[in-house]
Amino acid sequence: MPARKRGRDNRHVVHAAAADIISPELVLVSPPEVAARARRLLPGPMRPPTPAEPAVVLSRKSFAAFYTVCVAGTLGPLLLAAIASH
């Protein structure tokens, strides 16, 4: 059965593991020649991230409705507890 494809490309991780590099933290405290070898194994420069766009744009009416429900959900039980305690 063929291996499942995953969302990440882990070829550089496998290559680094084959070169006896355990983790980036250990590279920081490794001798300079080991750190230089680890830097050579890193993949090329990555492209900058694209700016995120809002998934949903809310209108003023829906924004006000949301906050009204939140305030009612908070004050409603508080008022019921205050009335019940008298």
PDB file of N, CA and C in Angstrom:
ATOM      1  N   MET A   1       0.854  -1.184   0.000  1.00  0.00           N
ATOM      2  CA  MET A   1       0.000   0.000   0.000  1.00  0.00           C
ATOM      3  C   MET A   1       0.893   1.238   0.000  1.00  0.00           C
ATOM      4  N   PRO A   2       0.630   2.212  -0.867  1.00  0.00           N
ATOM      5  CA  PRO A   2       1.470   3.417  -0.915  1.00  0.00           C
ATOM      6  C   PRO A   2       1.298   4.258   0.343  1.00  0.00           C
ATOM      7  N   ALA A   3       2.352   4.962   0.684  1.00  0.00           N
ATOM      8  CA  ALA A   3       2.305   5.823   1.866  1.00  0.00           C
ATOM      9  C   ALA A   3       1.362   6.999   1.607  1.00  0.00           C
ATOM     10  N   ARG A   4       0.682   7.407   2.671  1.00  0.00           N
ATOM     11  CA  ARG A   4      -0.224   8.550   2.557  1.00  0.00           C
ATOM     12  C   ARG A   4       0.576   9.833   2.417  1.00  0.00           C
ATOM     13  N   LYS A   5       0.037  10.743   1.612  1.00  0.00           N
ATOM     14  CA  LYS A   5       0.685  12.045   1.487  1.00  0.00           C
ATOM     15  C   LYS A   5       0.284  12.898   2.677  1.00  0.00           C
ATOM     16  N   ARG A   6       1.213  13.637   3.162  1.00  0.00           N
ATOM     17  CA  ARG A   6       0.931  14.543   4.268  1.00  0.00           C
ATOM     18  C   ARG A   6       1.096  15.970   3.793  1.00  0.00           C
ATOM     19  N   GLY A   7       0.621  16.914   4.596  1.00  0.00           N
ATOM     20  CA  GLY A   7       0.657  18.312   4.216  1.00  0.00           C
ATOM     21  C   GLY A   7       2.057  18.914   4.237  1.00  0.00           C
ATOM     22  N   ARG A   8       2.994  18.294   4.957  1.00  0.00           N
ATOM     23  CA  ARG A   8       4.323  18.870   5.090  1.00  0.00           C
ATOM     24  C   ARG A   8       5.337  18.112   4.239  1.00  0.00           C
ATOM     25  N   ASP A   9       6.361  18.826   3.872  1.00  0.00           N
ATOM     26  CA  ASP A   9       7.479  18.205   3.180  1.00  0.00           C
ATOM     27  C   ASP A   9       8.579  18.014   4.215  1.00  0.00           C
ATOM     28  N   ASN A  10       8.878  16.775   4.567  1.00  0.00           N
ATOM     29  CA  ASN A  10       9.849  16.532   5.624  1.00  0.00           C
ATOM     30  C   ASN A  10      11.154  15.953   5.091  1.00  0.00           C
ATOM     31  N   ARG A  11      11.467  16.206   3.839  1.00  0.00           N
ATOM     32  CA  ARG A  11      12.698  15.668   3.275  1.00  0.00           C
ATOM     33  C   ARG A  11      13.928  16.215   3.978  1.00  0.00           C
ATOM     34  N   HIS A  12      13.918  17.519   4.327  1.00  0.00           N
ATOM     35  CA  HIS A  12      15.095  18.076   4.994  1.00  0.00           C
ATOM     36  C   HIS A  12      15.256  17.517   6.399  1.00  0.00           C
ATOM     37  N   VAL A  13      14.166  17.129   7.058  1.00  0.00           N
ATOM     38  CA  VAL A  13      14.254  16.528   8.384  1.00  0.00           C
ATOM     39  C   VAL A  13      14.907  15.155   8.283  1.00  0.00           C
ATOM     40  N   VAL A  14      14.495  14.382   7.302  1.00  0.00           N
ATOM     41  CA  VAL A  14      15.080  13.060   7.116  1.00  0.00           C
ATOM     42  C   VAL A  14      16.555  13.190   6.778  1.00  0.00           C
ATOM     43  N   HIS A  15      16.892  14.152   5.905  1.00  0.00           N
ATOM     44  CA  HIS A  15      18.282  14.353   5.523  1.00  0.00           C
ATOM     45  C   HIS A  15      19.113  14.776   6.737  1.00  0.00           C
ATOM     46  N   ALA A  16      18.564  15.651   7.566  1.00  0.00           N
ATOM     47  CA  ALA A  16      19.280  16.095   8.756  1.00  0.00           C
ATOM     48  C   ALA A  16      19.453  14.951   9.747  1.00  0.00           C
ATOM     49  N   ALA A  17      18.430  14.098   9.883  1.00  0.00           N
ATOM     50  CA  ALA A  17      18.541  12.964  10.791  1.00  0.00           C
ATOM     51  C   ALA A  17      19.614  11.997  10.306  1.00  0.00           C
ATOM     52  N   ALA A  18      19.731  11.870   8.999  1.00  0.00           N
ATOM     53  CA  ALA A  18      20.761  10.990   8.451  1.00  0.00           C
ATOM     54  C   ALA A  18      22.149  11.545   8.718  1.00  0.00           C
ATOM     55  N   ALA A  19      22.269  12.846   8.912  1.00  0.00           N
ATOM     56  CA  ALA A  19      23.566  13.478   9.163  1.00  0.00           C
ATOM     57  C   ALA A  19      23.865  13.580  10.655  1.00  0.00           C
ATOM     58  N   ASP A  20      23.144  12.845  11.490  1.00  0.00           N
ATOM     59  CA  ASP A  20      23.346  12.801  12.945  1.00  0.00           C
ATOM     60  C   ASP A  20      23.056  14.127  13.642  1.00  0.00           C
ATOM     61  N   ILE A  21      22.180  14.923  13.093  1.00  0.00           N
ATOM     62  CA  ILE A  21      21.778  16.160  13.756  1.00  0.00           C
ATOM     63  C   ILE A  21      20.462  15.871  14.453  1.00  0.00           C
ATOM     64  N   ILE A  22      20.445  16.075  15.748  1.00  0.00           N
ATOM     65  CA  ILE A  22      19.291  15.652  16.524  1.00  0.00           C
ATOM     66  C   ILE A  22      18.204  16.710  16.561  1.00  0.00           C
ATOM     67  N   SER A  23      18.546  17.925  16.923  1.00  0.00           N
ATOM     68  CA  SER A  23      17.527  18.969  17.014  1.00  0.00           C
ATOM     69  C   SER A  23      18.172  20.340  16.862  1.00  0.00           C
ATOM     70  N   PRO A  24      17.371  21.355  16.537  1.00  0.00           N
ATOM     71  CA  PRO A  24      17.922  22.718  16.420  1.00  0.00           C
ATOM     72  C   PRO A  24      18.502  23.218  17.735  1.00  0.00           C
ATOM     73  N   GLU A  25      17.938  22.777  18.854  1.00  0.00           N
ATOM     74  CA  GLU A  25      18.452  23.218  20.144  1.00  0.00           C
ATOM     75  C   GLU A  25      19.869  22.719  20.363  1.00  0.00           C
ATOM     76  N   LEU A  26      20.138  21.481  19.953  1.00  0.00           N
ATOM     77  CA  LEU A  26      21.479  20.941  20.125  1.00  0.00           C
ATOM     78  C   LEU A  26      22.475  21.581  19.177  1.00  0.00           C
ATOM     79  N   VAL A  27      21.999  22.040  18.027  1.00  0.00           N
ATOM     80  CA  VAL A  27      22.894  22.715  17.098  1.00  0.00           C
ATOM     81  C   VAL A  27      23.387  24.018  17.712  1.00  0.00           C
ATOM     82  N   LEU A  28      22.552  24.673  18.501  1.00  0.00           N
ATOM     83  CA  LEU A  28      22.946  25.939  19.124  1.00  0.00           C
ATOM     84  C   LEU A  28      24.118  25.776  20.078  1.00  0.00           C
ATOM     85  N   VAL A  29      24.233  24.624  20.702  1.00  0.00           N
ATOM     86  CA  VAL A  29      25.313  24.400  21.663  1.00  0.00           C
ATOM     87  C   VAL A  29      26.395  23.488  21.093  1.00  0.00           C
ATOM     88  N   SER A  30      26.304  23.183  19.824  1.00  0.00           N
ATOM     89  CA  SER A  30      27.294  22.316  19.181  1.00  0.00           C
ATOM     90  C   SER A  30      28.537  23.110  18.808  1.00  0.00           C
ATOM     91  N   PRO A  31      29.631  22.406  18.533  1.00  0.00           N
ATOM     92  CA  PRO A  31      30.835  23.099  18.056  1.00  0.00           C
ATOM     93  C   PRO A  31      30.546  23.809  16.728  1.00  0.00           C
ATOM     94  N   PRO A  32      31.313  24.842  16.403  1.00  0.00           N
ATOM     95  CA  PRO A  32      31.058  25.624  15.185  1.00  0.00           C
ATOM     96  C   PRO A  32      31.038  24.800  13.905  1.00  0.00           C
ATOM     97  N   GLU A  33      31.895  23.799  13.793  1.00  0.00           N
ATOM     98  CA  GLU A  33      31.913  23.019  12.552  1.00  0.00           C
ATOM     99  C   GLU A  33      30.639  22.189  12.392  1.00  0.00           C
ATOM    100  N   VAL A  34      30.077  21.703  13.500  1.00  0.00           N
ATOM    101  CA  VAL A  34      28.816  20.953  13.428  1.00  0.00           C
ATOM    102  C   VAL A  34      27.678  21.908  13.087  1.00  0.00           C
ATOM    103  N   ALA A  35      27.688  23.096  13.679  1.00  0.00           N
ATOM    104  CA  ALA A  35      26.646  24.082  13.392  1.00  0.00           C
ATOM    105  C   ALA A  35      26.706  24.529  11.929  1.00  0.00           C
ATOM    106  N   ALA A  36      27.917  24.687  11.404  1.00  0.00           N
ATOM    107  CA  ALA A  36      28.047  25.080   9.993  1.00  0.00           C
ATOM    108  C   ALA A  36      27.516  23.986   9.083  1.00  0.00           C
ATOM    109  N   ARG A  37      27.781  22.743   9.431  1.00  0.00           N
ATOM    110  CA  ARG A  37      27.269  21.624   8.634  1.00  0.00           C
ATOM    111  C   ARG A  37      25.745  21.592   8.688  1.00  0.00           C
ATOM    112  N   ALA A  38      25.189  21.883   9.854  1.00  0.00           N
ATOM    113  CA  ALA A  38      23.733  21.895   9.998  1.00  0.00           C
ATOM    114  C   ALA A  38      23.118  23.018   9.169  1.00  0.00           C
ATOM    115  N   ARG A  39      23.768  24.193   9.133  1.00  0.00           N
ATOM    116  CA  ARG A  39      23.248  25.303   8.340  1.00  0.00           C
ATOM    117  C   ARG A  39      23.252  24.978   6.850  1.00  0.00           C
ATOM    118  N   ARG A  40      24.254  24.229   6.411  1.00  0.00           N
ATOM    119  CA  ARG A  40      24.296  23.839   5.002  1.00  0.00           C
ATOM    120  C   ARG A  40      23.154  22.886   4.654  1.00  0.00           C
ATOM    121  N   LEU A  41      22.651  22.130   5.636  1.00  0.00           N
ATOM    122  CA  LEU A  41      21.580  21.170   5.381  1.00  0.00           C
ATOM    123  C   LEU A  41      20.195  21.807   5.367  1.00  0.00           C
ATOM    124  N   LEU A  42      20.109  23.066   5.805  1.00  0.00           N
ATOM    125  CA  LEU A  42      18.807  23.730   5.825  1.00  0.00           C
ATOM    126  C   LEU A  42      18.295  23.941   4.402  1.00  0.00           C
ATOM    127  N   PRO A  43      16.958  23.915   4.225  1.00  0.00           N
ATOM    128  CA  PRO A  43      16.411  24.204   2.901  1.00  0.00           C
ATOM    129  C   PRO A  43      16.645  25.671   2.543  1.00  0.00           C
ATOM    130  N   GLY A  44      16.471  26.012   1.289  1.00  0.00           N
ATOM    131  CA  GLY A  44      16.689  27.369   0.801  1.00  0.00           C
ATOM    132  C   GLY A  44      15.756  28.366   1.463  1.00  0.00           C
ATOM    133  N   PRO A  45      15.932  29.645   1.120  1.00  0.00           N
ATOM    134  CA  PRO A  45      15.090  30.672   1.737  1.00  0.00           C
ATOM    135  C   PRO A  45      13.616  30.469   1.378  1.00  0.00           C
ATOM    136  N   MET A  46      12.782  30.753   2.341  1.00  0.00           N
ATOM    137  CA  MET A  46      11.333  30.601   2.145  1.00  0.00           C
ATOM    138  C   MET A  46      10.761  31.922   1.660  1.00  0.00           C
ATOM    139  N   ARG A  47       9.644  31.848   0.956  1.00  0.00           N
ATOM    140  CA  ARG A  47       8.993  33.076   0.517  1.00  0.00           C
ATOM    141  C   ARG A  47       8.271  33.695   1.711  1.00  0.00           C
ATOM    142  N   PRO A  48       8.140  35.007   1.736  1.00  0.00           N
ATOM    143  CA  PRO A  48       7.488  35.655   2.880  1.00  0.00           C
ATOM    144  C   PRO A  48       6.016  35.256   2.949  1.00  0.00           C
ATOM    145  N   PRO A  49       5.461  35.222   4.153  1.00  0.00           N
ATOM    146  CA  PRO A  49       4.052  34.845   4.284  1.00  0.00           C
ATOM    147  C   PRO A  49       3.139  35.883   3.647  1.00  0.00           C
ATOM    148  N   THR A  50       2.036  35.410   3.123  1.00  0.00           N
ATOM    149  CA  THR A  50       1.060  36.324   2.540  1.00  0.00           C
ATOM    150  C   THR A  50       0.185  36.881   3.653  1.00  0.00           C
ATOM    151  N   PRO A  51      -0.219  38.125   3.558  1.00  0.00           N
ATOM    152  CA  PRO A  51      -1.055  38.695   4.613  1.00  0.00           C
ATOM    153  C   PRO A  51      -2.411  37.993   4.669  1.00  0.00           C
ATOM    154  N   ALA A  52      -2.879  37.787   5.870  1.00  0.00           N
ATOM    155  CA  ALA A  52      -4.161  37.110   6.071  1.00  0.00           C
ATOM    156  C   ALA A  52      -5.310  38.061   5.773  1.00  0.00           C
ATOM    157  N   GLU A  53      -6.351  37.517   5.211  1.00  0.00           N
ATOM    158  CA  GLU A  53      -7.555  38.293   4.946  1.00  0.00           C
ATOM    159  C   GLU A  53      -8.641  37.831   5.908  1.00  0.00           C
ATOM    160  N   PRO A  54      -9.476  38.744   6.378  1.00  0.00           N
ATOM    161  CA  PRO A  54     -10.532  38.319   7.287  1.00  0.00           C
ATOM    162  C   PRO A  54     -11.482  37.343   6.592  1.00  0.00           C
ATOM    163  N   ALA A  55     -11.837  36.277   7.290  1.00  0.00           N
ATOM    164  CA  ALA A  55     -12.706  35.262   6.704  1.00  0.00           C
ATOM    165  C   ALA A  55     -14.135  35.786   6.549  1.00  0.00           C
ATOM    166  N   VAL A  56     -14.599  36.548   7.541  1.00  0.00           N
ATOM    167  CA  VAL A  56     -15.969  37.055   7.513  1.00  0.00           C
ATOM    168  C   VAL A  56     -15.942  38.536   7.873  1.00  0.00           C
ATOM    169  N   VAL A  57     -16.656  39.331   7.130  1.00  0.00           N
ATOM    170  CA  VAL A  57     -16.788  40.751   7.440  1.00  0.00           C
ATOM    171  C   VAL A  57     -18.179  40.951   8.022  1.00  0.00           C
ATOM    172  N   LEU A  58     -18.221  41.408   9.281  1.00  0.00           N
ATOM    173  CA  LEU A  58     -19.500  41.578   9.966  1.00  0.00           C
ATOM    174  C   LEU A  58     -20.057  42.978   9.730  1.00  0.00           C
ATOM    175  N   SER A  59     -21.364  43.046   9.579  1.00  0.00           N
ATOM    176  CA  SER A  59     -22.020  44.352   9.461  1.00  0.00           C
ATOM    177  C   SER A  59     -22.225  44.920  10.859  1.00  0.00           C
ATOM    178  N   ARG A  60     -22.580  46.183  10.920  1.00  0.00           N
ATOM    179  CA  ARG A  60     -22.828  46.799  12.234  1.00  0.00           C
ATOM    180  C   ARG A  60     -23.997  46.128  12.946  1.00  0.00           C
ATOM    181  N   LYS A  61     -24.988  45.731  12.181  1.00  0.00           N
ATOM    182  CA  LYS A  61     -26.179  45.113  12.769  1.00  0.00           C
ATOM    183  C   LYS A  61     -25.825  43.767  13.419  1.00  0.00           C
ATOM    184  N   SER A  62     -25.078  42.940  12.712  1.00  0.00           N
ATOM    185  CA  SER A  62     -24.716  41.644  13.278  1.00  0.00           C
ATOM    186  C   SER A  62     -23.731  41.807  14.436  1.00  0.00           C
ATOM    187  N   PHE A  63     -22.855  42.803  14.363  1.00  0.00           N
ATOM    188  CA  PHE A  63     -21.923  43.085  15.450  1.00  0.00           C
ATOM    189  C   PHE A  63     -22.688  43.493  16.707  1.00  0.00           C
ATOM    190  N   ALA A  64     -23.670  44.368  16.551  1.00  0.00           N
ATOM    191  CA  ALA A  64     -24.488  44.807  17.689  1.00  0.00           C
ATOM    192  C   ALA A  64     -25.306  43.648  18.251  1.00  0.00           C
ATOM    193  N   ALA A  65     -25.828  42.802  17.378  1.00  0.00           N
ATOM    194  CA  ALA A  65     -26.600  41.645  17.846  1.00  0.00           C
ATOM    195  C   ALA A  65     -25.716  40.704  18.647  1.00  0.00           C
ATOM    196  N   PHE A  66     -24.491  40.479  18.211  1.00  0.00           N
ATOM    197  CA  PHE A  66     -23.569  39.611  18.926  1.00  0.00           C
ATOM    198  C   PHE A  66     -23.308  40.137  20.334  1.00  0.00           C
ATOM    199  N   TYR A  67     -22.995  41.429  20.436  1.00  0.00           N
ATOM    200  CA  TYR A  67     -22.728  41.992  21.759  1.00  0.00           C
ATOM    201  C   TYR A  67     -23.970  42.027  22.631  1.00  0.00           C
ATOM    202  N   THR A  68     -25.130  42.236  22.059  1.00  0.00           N
ATOM    203  CA  THR A  68     -26.367  42.209  22.841  1.00  0.00           C
ATOM    204  C   THR A  68     -26.593  40.823  23.432  1.00  0.00           C
ATOM    205  N   VAL A  69     -26.381  39.793  22.640  1.00  0.00           N
ATOM    206  CA  VAL A  69     -26.535  38.421  23.139  1.00  0.00           C
ATOM    207  C   VAL A  69     -25.496  38.134  24.223  1.00  0.00           C
ATOM    208  N   CYS A  70     -24.265  38.602  24.048  1.00  0.00           N
ATOM    209  CA  CYS A  70     -23.230  38.382  25.067  1.00  0.00           C
ATOM    210  C   CYS A  70     -23.577  39.069  26.384  1.00  0.00           C
ATOM    211  N   VAL A  71     -24.033  40.314  26.305  1.00  0.00           N
ATOM    212  CA  VAL A  71     -24.398  41.048  27.524  1.00  0.00           C
ATOM    213  C   VAL A  71     -25.612  40.400  28.185  1.00  0.00           C
ATOM    214  N   ALA A  72     -26.594  39.996  27.407  1.00  0.00           N
ATOM    215  CA  ALA A  72     -27.776  39.346  27.970  1.00  0.00           C
ATOM    216  C   ALA A  72     -27.400  38.008  28.589  1.00  0.00           C
ATOM    217  N   GLY A  73     -26.494  37.279  27.978  1.00  0.00           N
ATOM    218  CA  GLY A  73     -26.063  35.998  28.522  1.00  0.00           C
ATOM    219  C   GLY A  73     -25.273  36.150  29.799  1.00  0.00           C
ATOM    220  N   THR A  74     -24.673  37.314  30.006  1.00  0.00           N
ATOM    221  CA  THR A  74     -23.918  37.560  31.232  1.00  0.00           C
ATOM    222  C   THR A  74     -24.815  38.137  32.324  1.00  0.00           C
ATOM    223  N   LEU A  75     -25.607  39.148  31.975  1.00  0.00           N
ATOM    224  CA  LEU A  75     -26.424  39.819  32.984  1.00  0.00           C
ATOM    225  C   LEU A  75     -27.686  39.038  33.345  1.00  0.00           C
ATOM    226  N   GLY A  76     -28.201  38.252  32.426  1.00  0.00           N
ATOM    227  CA  GLY A  76     -29.423  37.476  32.710  1.00  0.00           C
ATOM    228  C   GLY A  76     -29.261  36.557  33.916  1.00  0.00           C
ATOM    229  N   PRO A  77     -28.301  35.658  33.925  1.00  0.00           N
ATOM    230  CA  PRO A  77     -28.117  34.797  35.095  1.00  0.00           C
ATOM    231  C   PRO A  77     -27.751  35.579  36.354  1.00  0.00           C
ATOM    232  N   LEU A  78     -27.006  36.673  36.192  1.00  0.00           N
ATOM    233  CA  LEU A  78     -26.654  37.485  37.354  1.00  0.00           C
ATOM    234  C   LEU A  78     -27.904  38.098  37.989  1.00  0.00           C
ATOM    235  N   LEU A  79     -28.804  38.625  37.153  1.00  0.00           N
ATOM    236  CA  LEU A  79     -30.054  39.187  37.684  1.00  0.00           C
ATOM    237  C   LEU A  79     -30.928  38.103  38.304  1.00  0.00           C
ATOM    238  N   LEU A  80     -30.989  36.935  37.676  1.00  0.00           N
ATOM    239  CA  LEU A  80     -31.792  35.833  38.252  1.00  0.00           C
ATOM    240  C   LEU A  80     -31.224  35.401  39.604  1.00  0.00           C
ATOM    241  N   ALA A  81     -29.903  35.356  39.742  1.00  0.00           N
ATOM    242  CA  ALA A  81     -29.306  34.983  41.025  1.00  0.00           C
ATOM    243  C   ALA A  81     -29.569  36.053  42.075  1.00  0.00           C
ATOM    244  N   ALA A  82     -29.552  37.336  41.665  1.00  0.00           N
ATOM    245  CA  ALA A  82     -29.828  38.423  42.609  1.00  0.00           C
ATOM    246  C   ALA A  82     -31.267  38.380  43.077  1.00  0.00           C
ATOM    247  N   ILE A  83     -32.201  38.085  42.173  1.00  0.00           N
ATOM    248  CA  ILE A  83     -33.627  38.015  42.525  1.00  0.00           C
ATOM    249  C   ILE A  83     -33.876  36.802  43.425  1.00  0.00           C
ATOM    250  N   ALA A  84     -33.236  35.676  43.110  1.00  0.00           N
ATOM    251  CA  ALA A  84     -33.439  34.455  43.888  1.00  0.00           C
ATOM    252  C   ALA A  84     -32.874  34.575  45.300  1.00  0.00           C
ATOM    253  N   SER A  85     -31.866  35.382  45.513  1.00  0.00           N
ATOM    254  CA  SER A  85     -31.241  35.501  46.829  1.00  0.00           C
ATOM    255  C   SER A  85     -32.065  36.355  47.785  1.00  0.00           C
ATOM    256  N   HIS A  86     -33.030  37.129  47.280  1.00  0.00           N
ATOM    257  CA  HIS A  86     -33.870  37.972  48.153  1.00  0.00           C
ATOM    258  C   HIS A  86     -34.965  37.182  48.717  1.00  0.00           C
TER     259      HIS A  86
END
